[in-house]
Amino acid sequence: MRRFLIWTLLATIVGLALAAGGFWAYWSMYARFQPVTITRNQAEIQQLLDASPYLSAERGGVPIWIVGYRDSAATQAFAGPEAERLRAGGIEPRILLFARPDRDGIAQSTAAERATVAELWLSRDWALYERWMATSPANWTAAGLPAADGSPVRMAVVERSRELSAELAALLRDAGVPTRWPLVLWRDPQGFLKACACSDRRAWPFIEDDLGVAARREPIPQGAPLLETPTTVEELEGPTAAADTGPGTRPYPNLEEILPAPEPRYETPLEPAAPRRPPAAPTPATSAPAEAAGPPAARPAPAEKAPSPAGRRPPQAERQDETTFF
């Protein structure tokens, strides 16, 4: 009986672990990327979207709203290639950009970005939007656009863009949608309002399936970033810094490669060679008549050693110690 209880307890623990692992895998790989059906604040959300000065290349088709800020890599990717794919499937992307508010006294947007947002909200110029999205944020200077910082009217437009994004995020948060940019909203064929915090690429195919887009989707290349956390560029006022341009952008300006200077084709003149002199004629050698060879000189005899004076003898050792020196 005791063994049966032990095996039953182990089987229960293993079953619970497998169930928890399966649920986590289902939520992590599938469920959390599903769009959320809005069941609360539908009228308020739809009213904000309809009254917003969105940008659209053409009217007609099923509308889909894309709300985000310029420096978000996920917003750039979704508003660029993904929006073109949706447009090819009969969907009308409506893009709404805002300038982020300051955080703890630090500017989250540049003066050029605020000026561009104000101009887009006032004029809704699609050509300006395309130029802005095709230029790196670090190189965009908003040349020719009125500054928003010194204009009360344009600064009020910038503040309105921030208020609209904050109101929309609060309403969607109450409906169960987290605040991650871009926020994408649309109505399915049955008329239900749906939303997606599309900071991850794996959530994008569900939007196409829900809208019935017939365009074939290319698979995500191996090793491509999933953009779970959007890459942002937070710049202060001052000189521009390097930024993450994200996909779909190109550097501005595009300078040509400087080629090295061609080498000269002319030859360096050589110095004139010195004239060659003819060899001098050999002169006959005049030698004096050789003298008659005489007999060889005799070798001098070695000098004899002088004899010692008579009566003097070499010293003799008298003691044992003196034998060392003699």
C-alpha atoms as a PDB file:
ATOM      1  CA  MET A   1       0.000   0.000   0.000  1.00  0.00           C
ATOM      2  CA  ARG A   2       2.808   2.380   0.827  1.00  0.00           C
ATOM      3  CA  ARG A   3       4.534   1.670  -2.489  1.00  0.00           C
ATOM      4  CA  PHE A   4       1.280   2.298  -4.355  1.00  0.00           C
ATOM      5  CA  LEU A   5       0.888   5.697  -2.686  1.00  0.00           C
ATOM      6  CA  ILE A   6       4.463   6.666  -3.539  1.00  0.00           C
ATOM      7  CA  TRP A   7       4.057   5.745  -7.214  1.00  0.00           C
ATOM      8  CA  THR A   8       0.712   7.547  -7.350  1.00  0.00           C
ATOM      9  CA  LEU A   9       2.288  10.697  -5.906  1.00  0.00           C
ATOM     10  CA  LEU A  10       5.173  10.556  -8.386  1.00  0.00           C
ATOM     11  CA  ALA A  11       2.806  10.068 -11.323  1.00  0.00           C
ATOM     12  CA  THR A  12       0.736  13.022 -10.175  1.00  0.00           C
ATOM     13  CA  ILE A  13       3.819  15.242  -9.927  1.00  0.00           C
ATOM     14  CA  VAL A  14       5.041  14.175 -13.384  1.00  0.00           C
ATOM     15  CA  GLY A  15       1.596  14.761 -14.877  1.00  0.00           C
ATOM     16  CA  LEU A  16       1.348  18.216 -13.384  1.00  0.00           C
ATOM     17  CA  ALA A  17       4.838  19.072 -14.629  1.00  0.00           C
ATOM     18  CA  LEU A  18       3.980  17.918 -18.153  1.00  0.00           C
ATOM     19  CA  ALA A  19       0.718  19.843 -18.116  1.00  0.00           C
ATOM     20  CA  ALA A  20       2.463  23.007 -16.903  1.00  0.00           C
ATOM     21  CA  GLY A  21       5.186  22.633 -19.544  1.00  0.00           C
ATOM     22  CA  GLY A  22       2.624  22.123 -22.310  1.00  0.00           C
ATOM     23  CA  PHE A  23       0.600  25.122 -21.218  1.00  0.00           C
ATOM     24  CA  TRP A  24       3.713  27.286 -21.034  1.00  0.00           C
ATOM     25  CA  ALA A  25       4.798  26.178 -24.517  1.00  0.00           C
ATOM     26  CA  TYR A  26       1.322  26.889 -25.911  1.00  0.00           C
ATOM     27  CA  TRP A  27       1.242  30.346 -24.326  1.00  0.00           C
ATOM     28  CA  SER A  28       4.847  31.238 -25.159  1.00  0.00           C
ATOM     29  CA  MET A  29       4.806  30.144 -28.799  1.00  0.00           C
ATOM     30  CA  TYR A  30       1.205  30.690 -29.846  1.00  0.00           C
ATOM     31  CA  ALA A  31      -1.319  32.180 -27.456  1.00  0.00           C
ATOM     32  CA  ARG A  32       0.501  35.364 -26.517  1.00  0.00           C
ATOM     33  CA  PHE A  33       0.821  36.379 -30.174  1.00  0.00           C
ATOM     34  CA  GLN A  34      -2.893  36.072 -30.850  1.00  0.00           C
ATOM     35  CA  PRO A  35      -4.793  39.362 -31.387  1.00  0.00           C
ATOM     36  CA  VAL A  36      -7.070  40.490 -28.585  1.00  0.00           C
ATOM     37  CA  THR A  37     -10.763  41.032 -29.239  1.00  0.00           C
ATOM     38  CA  ILE A  38     -11.834  44.329 -27.661  1.00  0.00           C
ATOM     39  CA  THR A  39     -14.891  43.921 -25.469  1.00  0.00           C
ATOM     40  CA  ARG A  40     -14.607  47.130 -23.466  1.00  0.00           C
ATOM     41  CA  ASN A  41     -14.410  50.805 -24.534  1.00  0.00           C
ATOM     42  CA  GLN A  42     -15.056  49.949 -28.182  1.00  0.00           C
ATOM     43  CA  ALA A  43     -16.920  53.187 -28.921  1.00  0.00           C
ATOM     44  CA  GLU A  44     -14.273  55.403 -27.287  1.00  0.00           C
ATOM     45  CA  ILE A  45     -11.438  53.655 -29.102  1.00  0.00           C
ATOM     46  CA  GLN A  46     -13.175  53.848 -32.472  1.00  0.00           C
ATOM     47  CA  GLN A  47     -13.932  57.527 -31.931  1.00  0.00           C
ATOM     48  CA  LEU A  48     -10.282  58.313 -31.200  1.00  0.00           C
ATOM     49  CA  LEU A  49      -9.155  56.471 -34.328  1.00  0.00           C
ATOM     50  CA  ASP A  50     -11.669  58.116 -36.637  1.00  0.00           C
ATOM     51  CA  ALA A  51     -10.890  61.627 -35.337  1.00  0.00           C
ATOM     52  CA  SER A  52      -7.111  61.202 -35.582  1.00  0.00           C
ATOM     53  CA  PRO A  53      -5.166  62.825 -38.458  1.00  0.00           C
ATOM     54  CA  TYR A  54      -3.806  59.532 -39.767  1.00  0.00           C
ATOM     55  CA  LEU A  55      -1.685  59.148 -42.891  1.00  0.00           C
ATOM     56  CA  SER A  56      -2.743  56.948 -45.788  1.00  0.00           C
ATOM     57  CA  ALA A  57      -1.358  56.443 -49.271  1.00  0.00           C
ATOM     58  CA  GLU A  58      -4.806  55.800 -50.773  1.00  0.00           C
ATOM     59  CA  ARG A  59      -8.393  55.625 -49.632  1.00  0.00           C
ATOM     60  CA  GLY A  60     -10.403  52.440 -49.875  1.00  0.00           C
ATOM     61  CA  GLY A  61     -10.121  48.927 -48.540  1.00  0.00           C
ATOM     62  CA  VAL A  62     -10.378  47.556 -45.032  1.00  0.00           C
ATOM     63  CA  PRO A  63      -8.713  50.073 -42.685  1.00  0.00           C
ATOM     64  CA  ILE A  64      -6.036  49.079 -40.215  1.00  0.00           C
ATOM     65  CA  TRP A  65      -4.519  51.623 -37.819  1.00  0.00           C
ATOM     66  CA  ILE A  66      -0.807  51.571 -36.948  1.00  0.00           C
ATOM     67  CA  VAL A  67       0.083  53.765 -33.960  1.00  0.00           C
ATOM     68  CA  GLY A  68       3.725  54.251 -32.947  1.00  0.00           C
ATOM     69  CA  TYR A  69       6.709  56.562 -32.847  1.00  0.00           C
ATOM     70  CA  ARG A  70       9.440  57.024 -35.432  1.00  0.00           C
ATOM     71  CA  ASP A  71      12.457  55.634 -33.549  1.00  0.00           C
ATOM     72  CA  SER A  72      10.858  52.252 -32.805  1.00  0.00           C
ATOM     73  CA  ALA A  73      12.428  49.531 -34.950  1.00  0.00           C
ATOM     74  CA  ALA A  74       9.228  47.459 -34.837  1.00  0.00           C
ATOM     75  CA  THR A  75       7.153  50.459 -35.959  1.00  0.00           C
ATOM     76  CA  GLN A  76       9.512  51.074 -38.871  1.00  0.00           C
ATOM     77  CA  ALA A  77       9.312  47.436 -39.936  1.00  0.00           C
ATOM     78  CA  PHE A  78       5.536  47.164 -39.652  1.00  0.00           C
ATOM     79  CA  ALA A  79       4.819  50.535 -41.277  1.00  0.00           C
ATOM     80  CA  GLY A  80       7.245  49.694 -44.091  1.00  0.00           C
ATOM     81  CA  PRO A  81       7.410  46.219 -45.687  1.00  0.00           C
ATOM     82  CA  GLU A  82       4.510  44.757 -43.703  1.00  0.00           C
ATOM     83  CA  ALA A  83       2.213  47.663 -44.598  1.00  0.00           C
ATOM     84  CA  GLU A  84       3.086  47.183 -48.271  1.00  0.00           C
ATOM     85  CA  ARG A  85       2.168  43.513 -47.987  1.00  0.00           C
ATOM     86  CA  LEU A  86      -1.185  44.382 -46.417  1.00  0.00           C
ATOM     87  CA  ARG A  87      -1.833  47.061 -49.027  1.00  0.00           C
ATOM     88  CA  ALA A  88      -1.242  44.481 -51.762  1.00  0.00           C
ATOM     89  CA  GLY A  89      -3.915  42.314 -50.131  1.00  0.00           C
ATOM     90  CA  GLY A  90      -6.576  45.033 -50.275  1.00  0.00           C
ATOM     91  CA  ILE A  91      -5.982  46.557 -46.816  1.00  0.00           C
ATOM     92  CA  GLU A  92      -5.641  50.290 -46.214  1.00  0.00           C
ATOM     93  CA  PRO A  93      -2.904  50.997 -43.625  1.00  0.00           C
ATOM     94  CA  ARG A  94      -3.581  54.193 -41.660  1.00  0.00           C
ATOM     95  CA  ILE A  95      -0.452  55.360 -39.885  1.00  0.00           C
ATOM     96  CA  LEU A  96      -0.526  57.612 -36.828  1.00  0.00           C
ATOM     97  CA  LEU A  97       2.812  58.810 -35.425  1.00  0.00           C
ATOM     98  CA  PHE A  98       3.438  60.763 -32.229  1.00  0.00           C
ATOM     99  CA  ALA A  99       6.406  62.310 -30.419  1.00  0.00           C
ATOM    100  CA  ARG A 100       7.172  60.712 -27.080  1.00  0.00           C
ATOM    101  CA  PRO A 101       6.885  62.934 -23.993  1.00  0.00           C
ATOM    102  CA  ASP A 102       9.831  63.767 -21.762  1.00  0.00           C
ATOM    103  CA  ARG A 103      10.712  61.321 -18.998  1.00  0.00           C
ATOM    104  CA  ASP A 104      12.205  62.620 -15.728  1.00  0.00           C
ATOM    105  CA  GLY A 105      13.224  65.827 -17.451  1.00  0.00           C
ATOM    106  CA  ILE A 106      15.027  63.987 -20.274  1.00  0.00           C
ATOM    107  CA  ALA A 107      13.805  64.544 -23.821  1.00  0.00           C
ATOM    108  CA  GLN A 108      12.662  61.342 -25.555  1.00  0.00           C
ATOM    109  CA  SER A 109      12.333  63.062 -28.934  1.00  0.00           C
ATOM    110  CA  THR A 110      14.425  65.487 -30.958  1.00  0.00           C
ATOM    111  CA  ALA A 111      13.484  68.929 -32.223  1.00  0.00           C
ATOM    112  CA  ALA A 112      13.449  67.595 -35.798  1.00  0.00           C
ATOM    113  CA  GLU A 113      11.073  64.798 -34.816  1.00  0.00           C
ATOM    114  CA  ARG A 114       8.679  67.208 -33.072  1.00  0.00           C
ATOM    115  CA  ALA A 115       8.704  69.550 -36.059  1.00  0.00           C
ATOM    116  CA  THR A 116       7.968  66.665 -38.430  1.00  0.00           C
ATOM    117  CA  VAL A 117       5.156  65.258 -36.292  1.00  0.00           C
ATOM    118  CA  ALA A 118       3.528  68.694 -36.102  1.00  0.00           C
ATOM    119  CA  GLU A 119       3.775  69.129 -39.865  1.00  0.00           C
ATOM    120  CA  LEU A 120       2.341  65.665 -40.561  1.00  0.00           C
ATOM    121  CA  TRP A 121      -0.584  66.232 -38.215  1.00  0.00           C
ATOM    122  CA  LEU A 122      -1.372  69.588 -39.848  1.00  0.00           C
ATOM    123  CA  SER A 123      -0.794  68.769 -43.523  1.00  0.00           C
ATOM    124  CA  ARG A 124      -1.078  64.949 -43.631  1.00  0.00           C
ATOM    125  CA  ASP A 125       1.566  64.995 -46.373  1.00  0.00           C
ATOM    126  CA  TRP A 126       2.241  61.424 -47.472  1.00  0.00           C
ATOM    127  CA  ALA A 127       5.323  62.421 -49.493  1.00  0.00           C
ATOM    128  CA  LEU A 128       6.877  64.000 -46.400  1.00  0.00           C
ATOM    129  CA  TYR A 129       6.148  60.859 -44.436  1.00  0.00           C
ATOM    130  CA  GLU A 130       7.873  58.693 -47.044  1.00  0.00           C
ATOM    131  CA  ARG A 131      10.969  60.927 -47.030  1.00  0.00           C
ATOM    132  CA  TRP A 132      11.071  60.815 -43.250  1.00  0.00           C
ATOM    133  CA  MET A 133      10.793  57.043 -43.054  1.00  0.00           C
ATOM    134  CA  ALA A 134      13.409  56.570 -45.785  1.00  0.00           C
ATOM    135  CA  THR A 135      15.989  58.644 -43.872  1.00  0.00           C
ATOM    136  CA  SER A 136      17.915  57.581 -40.816  1.00  0.00           C
ATOM    137  CA  PRO A 137      16.703  59.338 -37.622  1.00  0.00           C
ATOM    138  CA  ALA A 138      20.261  60.470 -36.930  1.00  0.00           C
ATOM    139  CA  ASN A 139      20.453  62.209 -40.335  1.00  0.00           C
ATOM    140  CA  TRP A 140      16.964  63.703 -40.410  1.00  0.00           C
ATOM    141  CA  THR A 141      17.124  67.473 -39.782  1.00  0.00           C
ATOM    142  CA  ALA A 142      13.593  68.494 -40.871  1.00  0.00           C
ATOM    143  CA  ALA A 143      15.083  70.986 -43.298  1.00  0.00           C
ATOM    144  CA  GLY A 144      12.473  73.410 -44.620  1.00  0.00           C
ATOM    145  CA  LEU A 145       9.905  72.631 -41.905  1.00  0.00           C
ATOM    146  CA  PRO A 146       8.853  75.208 -39.301  1.00  0.00           C
ATOM    147  CA  ALA A 147      10.202  74.485 -35.839  1.00  0.00           C
ATOM    148  CA  ALA A 148       7.674  73.299 -33.295  1.00  0.00           C
ATOM    149  CA  ASP A 149       9.531  74.321 -30.142  1.00  0.00           C
ATOM    150  CA  GLY A 150       9.126  78.041 -30.725  1.00  0.00           C
ATOM    151  CA  SER A 151       5.559  77.902 -32.055  1.00  0.00           C
ATOM    152  CA  PRO A 152       2.676  77.624 -29.544  1.00  0.00           C
ATOM    153  CA  VAL A 153       0.325  76.260 -32.219  1.00  0.00           C
ATOM    154  CA  ARG A 154       2.677  73.536 -33.428  1.00  0.00           C
ATOM    155  CA  MET A 155       3.741  72.634 -29.912  1.00  0.00           C
ATOM    156  CA  ALA A 156       0.060  72.218 -29.009  1.00  0.00           C
ATOM    157  CA  VAL A 157      -0.250  69.783 -31.943  1.00  0.00           C
ATOM    158  CA  VAL A 158       2.729  67.800 -30.611  1.00  0.00           C
ATOM    159  CA  GLU A 159       1.143  67.670 -27.152  1.00  0.00           C
ATOM    160  CA  ARG A 160      -2.118  66.500 -28.703  1.00  0.00           C
ATOM    161  CA  SER A 161      -0.280  63.593 -30.371  1.00  0.00           C
ATOM    162  CA  ARG A 162       1.104  62.569 -26.988  1.00  0.00           C
ATOM    163  CA  GLU A 163      -2.300  62.823 -25.322  1.00  0.00           C
ATOM    164  CA  LEU A 164      -3.987  60.743 -28.009  1.00  0.00           C
ATOM    165  CA  SER A 165      -1.390  57.950 -27.730  1.00  0.00           C
ATOM    166  CA  ALA A 166      -1.693  57.963 -23.921  1.00  0.00           C
ATOM    167  CA  GLU A 167      -5.529  57.831 -24.049  1.00  0.00           C
ATOM    168  CA  LEU A 168      -5.485  55.020 -26.571  1.00  0.00           C
ATOM    169  CA  ALA A 169      -2.940  53.019 -24.553  1.00  0.00           C
ATOM    170  CA  ALA A 170      -5.029  53.441 -21.378  1.00  0.00           C
ATOM    171  CA  LEU A 171      -8.238  52.268 -23.069  1.00  0.00           C
ATOM    172  CA  LEU A 172      -6.518  49.247 -24.590  1.00  0.00           C
ATOM    173  CA  ARG A 173      -4.867  48.388 -21.288  1.00  0.00           C
ATOM    174  CA  ASP A 174      -8.294  48.184 -19.680  1.00  0.00           C
ATOM    175  CA  ALA A 175      -9.320  45.787 -22.469  1.00  0.00           C
ATOM    176  CA  GLY A 176      -6.350  43.498 -21.824  1.00  0.00           C
ATOM    177  CA  VAL A 177      -3.872  44.760 -24.447  1.00  0.00           C
ATOM    178  CA  PRO A 178      -0.361  45.554 -23.126  1.00  0.00           C
ATOM    179  CA  THR A 179       1.321  48.795 -24.143  1.00  0.00           C
ATOM    180  CA  ARG A 180       3.982  47.860 -26.654  1.00  0.00           C
ATOM    181  CA  TRP A 181       4.534  49.824 -29.842  1.00  0.00           C
ATOM    182  CA  PRO A 182       3.281  49.711 -32.478  1.00  0.00           C
ATOM    183  CA  LEU A 183      -0.331  49.253 -31.491  1.00  0.00           C
ATOM    184  CA  VAL A 184      -2.277  47.824 -34.431  1.00  0.00           C
ATOM    185  CA  LEU A 185      -6.087  47.925 -34.533  1.00  0.00           C
ATOM    186  CA  TRP A 186      -8.583  46.638 -37.124  1.00  0.00           C
ATOM    187  CA  ARG A 187     -12.011  45.050 -37.520  1.00  0.00           C
ATOM    188  CA  ASP A 188     -12.313  41.446 -38.612  1.00  0.00           C
ATOM    189  CA  PRO A 189     -14.826  40.259 -41.269  1.00  0.00           C
ATOM    190  CA  GLN A 190     -17.430  39.765 -38.519  1.00  0.00           C
ATOM    191  CA  GLY A 191     -17.049  43.411 -37.406  1.00  0.00           C
ATOM    192  CA  PHE A 192     -15.284  42.808 -34.079  1.00  0.00           C
ATOM    193  CA  LEU A 193     -12.629  45.346 -33.081  1.00  0.00           C
ATOM    194  CA  LYS A 194      -9.273  43.676 -32.497  1.00  0.00           C
ATOM    195  CA  ALA A 195      -5.900  44.957 -31.331  1.00  0.00           C
ATOM    196  CA  CYS A 196      -2.323  43.736 -31.228  1.00  0.00           C
ATOM    197  CA  ALA A 197       0.753  44.978 -29.386  1.00  0.00           C
ATOM    198  CA  CYS A 198       2.923  44.058 -32.369  1.00  0.00           C
ATOM    199  CA  SER A 199       6.437  44.509 -31.038  1.00  0.00           C
ATOM    200  CA  ASP A 200       7.216  40.906 -32.037  1.00  0.00           C
ATOM    201  CA  ARG A 201       7.299  39.685 -35.630  1.00  0.00           C
ATOM    202  CA  ARG A 202       5.656  36.392 -34.677  1.00  0.00           C
ATOM    203  CA  ALA A 203       2.364  38.227 -34.104  1.00  0.00           C
ATOM    204  CA  TRP A 204       2.173  39.628 -37.630  1.00  0.00           C
ATOM    205  CA  PRO A 205       1.012  36.464 -39.479  1.00  0.00           C
ATOM    206  CA  PHE A 206      -2.067  36.278 -37.227  1.00  0.00           C
ATOM    207  CA  ILE A 207      -3.148  39.720 -38.477  1.00  0.00           C
ATOM    208  CA  GLU A 208      -2.884  38.583 -42.088  1.00  0.00           C
ATOM    209  CA  ASP A 209      -4.836  35.437 -41.354  1.00  0.00           C
ATOM    210  CA  ASP A 210      -7.520  37.376 -39.515  1.00  0.00           C
ATOM    211  CA  LEU A 211      -7.892  39.861 -42.373  1.00  0.00           C
ATOM    212  CA  GLY A 212      -7.767  37.173 -45.047  1.00  0.00           C
ATOM    213  CA  VAL A 213      -4.790  38.645 -46.871  1.00  0.00           C
ATOM    214  CA  ALA A 214      -4.040  36.438 -49.865  1.00  0.00           C
ATOM    215  CA  ALA A 215      -0.491  37.735 -50.331  1.00  0.00           C
ATOM    216  CA  ARG A 216       2.078  35.065 -49.685  1.00  0.00           C
ATOM    217  CA  ARG A 217       4.223  35.799 -46.695  1.00  0.00           C
ATOM    218  CA  GLU A 218       7.967  35.209 -46.911  1.00  0.00           C
ATOM    219  CA  PRO A 219       9.383  33.129 -44.039  1.00  0.00           C
ATOM    220  CA  ILE A 220      11.391  34.937 -41.380  1.00  0.00           C
ATOM    221  CA  PRO A 221      15.097  34.461 -42.240  1.00  0.00           C
ATOM    222  CA  GLN A 222      17.200  32.394 -39.903  1.00  0.00           C
ATOM    223  CA  GLY A 223      18.786  34.560 -37.229  1.00  0.00           C
ATOM    224  CA  ALA A 224      16.592  37.630 -37.876  1.00  0.00           C
ATOM    225  CA  PRO A 225      15.777  39.669 -34.755  1.00  0.00           C
ATOM    226  CA  LEU A 226      12.310  39.001 -33.381  1.00  0.00           C
ATOM    227  CA  LEU A 227      11.954  42.571 -32.052  1.00  0.00           C
ATOM    228  CA  GLU A 228      10.397  41.406 -28.812  1.00  0.00           C
ATOM    229  CA  THR A 229      11.609  44.619 -27.182  1.00  0.00           C
ATOM    230  CA  PRO A 230      11.528  47.484 -29.671  1.00  0.00           C
ATOM    231  CA  THR A 231      14.850  49.156 -30.251  1.00  0.00           C
ATOM    232  CA  THR A 232      14.494  52.820 -29.479  1.00  0.00           C
ATOM    233  CA  VAL A 233      16.694  55.842 -29.941  1.00  0.00           C
ATOM    234  CA  GLU A 234      16.592  58.271 -27.072  1.00  0.00           C
ATOM    235  CA  GLU A 235      18.478  61.405 -27.985  1.00  0.00           C
ATOM    236  CA  LEU A 236      18.982  64.633 -26.100  1.00  0.00           C
ATOM    237  CA  GLU A 237      19.074  68.038 -27.666  1.00  0.00           C
ATOM    238  CA  GLY A 238      22.454  68.525 -29.285  1.00  0.00           C
ATOM    239  CA  PRO A 239      24.569  66.843 -31.928  1.00  0.00           C
ATOM    240  CA  THR A 240      23.084  63.800 -33.517  1.00  0.00           C
ATOM    241  CA  ALA A 241      24.228  60.381 -32.398  1.00  0.00           C
ATOM    242  CA  ALA A 242      24.299  57.015 -34.065  1.00  0.00           C
ATOM    243  CA  ALA A 243      20.858  55.430 -34.176  1.00  0.00           C
ATOM    244  CA  ASP A 244      19.270  52.145 -35.003  1.00  0.00           C
ATOM    245  CA  THR A 245      17.714  52.879 -38.358  1.00  0.00           C
ATOM    246  CA  GLY A 246      15.901  49.570 -38.515  1.00  0.00           C
ATOM    247  CA  PRO A 247      14.827  47.839 -41.693  1.00  0.00           C
ATOM    248  CA  GLY A 248      13.581  49.741 -44.694  1.00  0.00           C
ATOM    249  CA  THR A 249      15.833  52.771 -44.319  1.00  0.00           C
ATOM    250  CA  ARG A 250      18.826  54.022 -46.230  1.00  0.00           C
ATOM    251  CA  PRO A 251      21.631  56.386 -45.225  1.00  0.00           C
ATOM    252  CA  TYR A 252      21.325  60.049 -46.114  1.00  0.00           C
ATOM    253  CA  PRO A 253      23.199  61.558 -47.844  1.00  0.00           C
ATOM    254  CA  ASN A 254      24.600  58.786 -50.015  1.00  0.00           C
ATOM    255  CA  LEU A 255      28.181  59.756 -50.784  1.00  0.00           C
ATOM    256  CA  GLU A 256      30.068  58.166 -53.645  1.00  0.00           C
ATOM    257  CA  GLU A 257      33.209  56.218 -52.992  1.00  0.00           C
ATOM    258  CA  ILE A 258      36.354  58.274 -53.477  1.00  0.00           C
ATOM    259  CA  LEU A 259      38.643  56.536 -55.971  1.00  0.00           C
ATOM    260  CA  PRO A 260      42.446  56.849 -55.787  1.00  0.00           C
ATOM    261  CA  ALA A 261      44.136  59.238 -58.216  1.00  0.00           C
ATOM    262  CA  PRO A 262      45.350  57.558 -61.440  1.00  0.00           C
ATOM    263  CA  GLU A 263      49.054  57.154 -61.857  1.00  0.00           C
ATOM    264  CA  PRO A 264      50.811  59.365 -64.514  1.00  0.00           C
ATOM    265  CA  ARG A 265      51.208  57.830 -67.932  1.00  0.00           C
ATOM    266  CA  TYR A 266      54.323  59.774 -68.961  1.00  0.00           C
ATOM    267  CA  GLU A 267      57.832  58.423 -68.369  1.00  0.00           C
ATOM    268  CA  THR A 268      60.400  60.199 -66.252  1.00  0.00           C
ATOM    269  CA  PRO A 269      63.122  61.652 -68.567  1.00  0.00           C
ATOM    270  CA  LEU A 270      66.490  60.015 -68.120  1.00  0.00           C
ATOM    271  CA  GLU A 271      69.691  62.011 -67.717  1.00  0.00           C
ATOM    272  CA  PRO A 272      71.936  62.070 -70.823  1.00  0.00           C
ATOM    273  CA  ALA A 273      74.732  59.567 -70.619  1.00  0.00           C
ATOM    274  CA  ALA A 274      78.290  60.864 -70.541  1.00  0.00           C
ATOM    275  CA  PRO A 275      80.218  60.465 -73.844  1.00  0.00           C
ATOM    276  CA  ARG A 276      82.335  57.370 -73.935  1.00  0.00           C
ATOM    277  CA  ARG A 277      86.038  57.977 -74.267  1.00  0.00           C
ATOM    278  CA  PRO A 278      88.191  55.754 -76.507  1.00  0.00           C
ATOM    279  CA  PRO A 279      90.681  53.561 -74.647  1.00  0.00           C
ATOM    280  CA  ALA A 280      94.192  55.025 -74.403  1.00  0.00           C
ATOM    281  CA  ALA A 281      96.912  53.374 -76.471  1.00  0.00           C
ATOM    282  CA  PRO A 282      99.389  51.360 -74.397  1.00  0.00           C
ATOM    283  CA  THR A 283     102.790  53.021 -74.058  1.00  0.00           C
ATOM    284  CA  PRO A 284     105.931  50.896 -74.306  1.00  0.00           C
ATOM    285  CA  ALA A 285     107.448  50.340 -70.926  1.00  0.00           C
ATOM    286  CA  THR A 286     111.057  51.587 -70.679  1.00  0.00           C
ATOM    287  CA  SER A 287     113.008  49.678 -68.082  1.00  0.00           C
ATOM    288  CA  ALA A 288     116.597  50.222 -67.072  1.00  0.00           C
ATOM    289  CA  PRO A 289     119.047  47.513 -68.046  1.00  0.00           C
ATOM    290  CA  ALA A 290     119.242  44.978 -65.333  1.00  0.00           C
ATOM    291  CA  GLU A 291     122.471  45.118 -63.424  1.00  0.00           C
ATOM    292  CA  ALA A 292     124.659  42.187 -63.384  1.00  0.00           C
ATOM    293  CA  ALA A 293     123.775  39.895 -60.615  1.00  0.00           C
ATOM    294  CA  GLY A 294     126.622  39.557 -58.139  1.00  0.00           C
ATOM    295  CA  PRO A 295     127.345  36.743 -55.743  1.00  0.00           C
ATOM    296  CA  PRO A 296     124.885  36.395 -52.837  1.00  0.00           C
ATOM    297  CA  ALA A 297     125.848  38.210 -49.698  1.00  0.00           C
ATOM    298  CA  ALA A 298     127.308  36.085 -46.941  1.00  0.00           C
ATOM    299  CA  ARG A 299     125.173  35.479 -43.802  1.00  0.00           C
ATOM    300  CA  PRO A 300     126.650  37.230 -40.817  1.00  0.00           C
ATOM    301  CA  ALA A 301     128.003  34.900 -38.195  1.00  0.00           C
ATOM    302  CA  PRO A 302     126.391  35.031 -34.736  1.00  0.00           C
ATOM    303  CA  ALA A 303     128.246  36.993 -32.156  1.00  0.00           C
ATOM    304  CA  GLU A 304     130.198  34.953 -29.709  1.00  0.00           C
ATOM    305  CA  LYS A 305     129.446  35.121 -25.994  1.00  0.00           C
ATOM    306  CA  ALA A 306     131.940  37.059 -24.042  1.00  0.00           C
ATOM    307  CA  PRO A 307     133.927  34.903 -21.647  1.00  0.00           C
ATOM    308  CA  SER A 308     133.347  35.300 -17.942  1.00  0.00           C
ATOM    309  CA  PRO A 309     135.980  37.066 -15.968  1.00  0.00           C
ATOM    310  CA  ALA A 310     138.520  34.783 -14.527  1.00  0.00           C
ATOM    311  CA  GLY A 311     138.086  33.665 -10.968  1.00  0.00           C
ATOM    312  CA  ARG A 312     134.293  34.222 -10.822  1.00  0.00           C
ATOM    313  CA  ARG A 313     131.969  31.235 -10.403  1.00  0.00           C
ATOM    314  CA  PRO A 314     128.166  31.015 -10.550  1.00  0.00           C
ATOM    315  CA  PRO A 315     126.384  31.277  -7.190  1.00  0.00           C
ATOM    316  CA  GLN A 316     125.689  28.044  -5.364  1.00  0.00           C
ATOM    317  CA  ALA A 317     122.791  27.340  -3.007  1.00  0.00           C
ATOM    318  CA  GLU A 318     123.885  27.130   0.593  1.00  0.00           C
ATOM    319  CA  ARG A 319     120.506  26.457   2.303  1.00  0.00           C
ATOM    320  CA  GLN A 320     117.382  24.491   1.478  1.00  0.00           C
ATOM    321  CA  ASP A 321     115.260  27.652   1.044  1.00  0.00           C
ATOM    322  CA  GLU A 322     117.585  29.082  -1.554  1.00  0.00           C
ATOM    323  CA  THR A 323     117.235  26.108  -3.854  1.00  0.00           C
ATOM    324  CA  THR A 324     113.932  27.515  -5.016  1.00  0.00           C
ATOM    325  CA  PHE A 325     115.666  30.456  -6.713  1.00  0.00           C
ATOM    326  CA  PHE A 326     118.687  28.664  -8.163  1.00  0.00           C
END
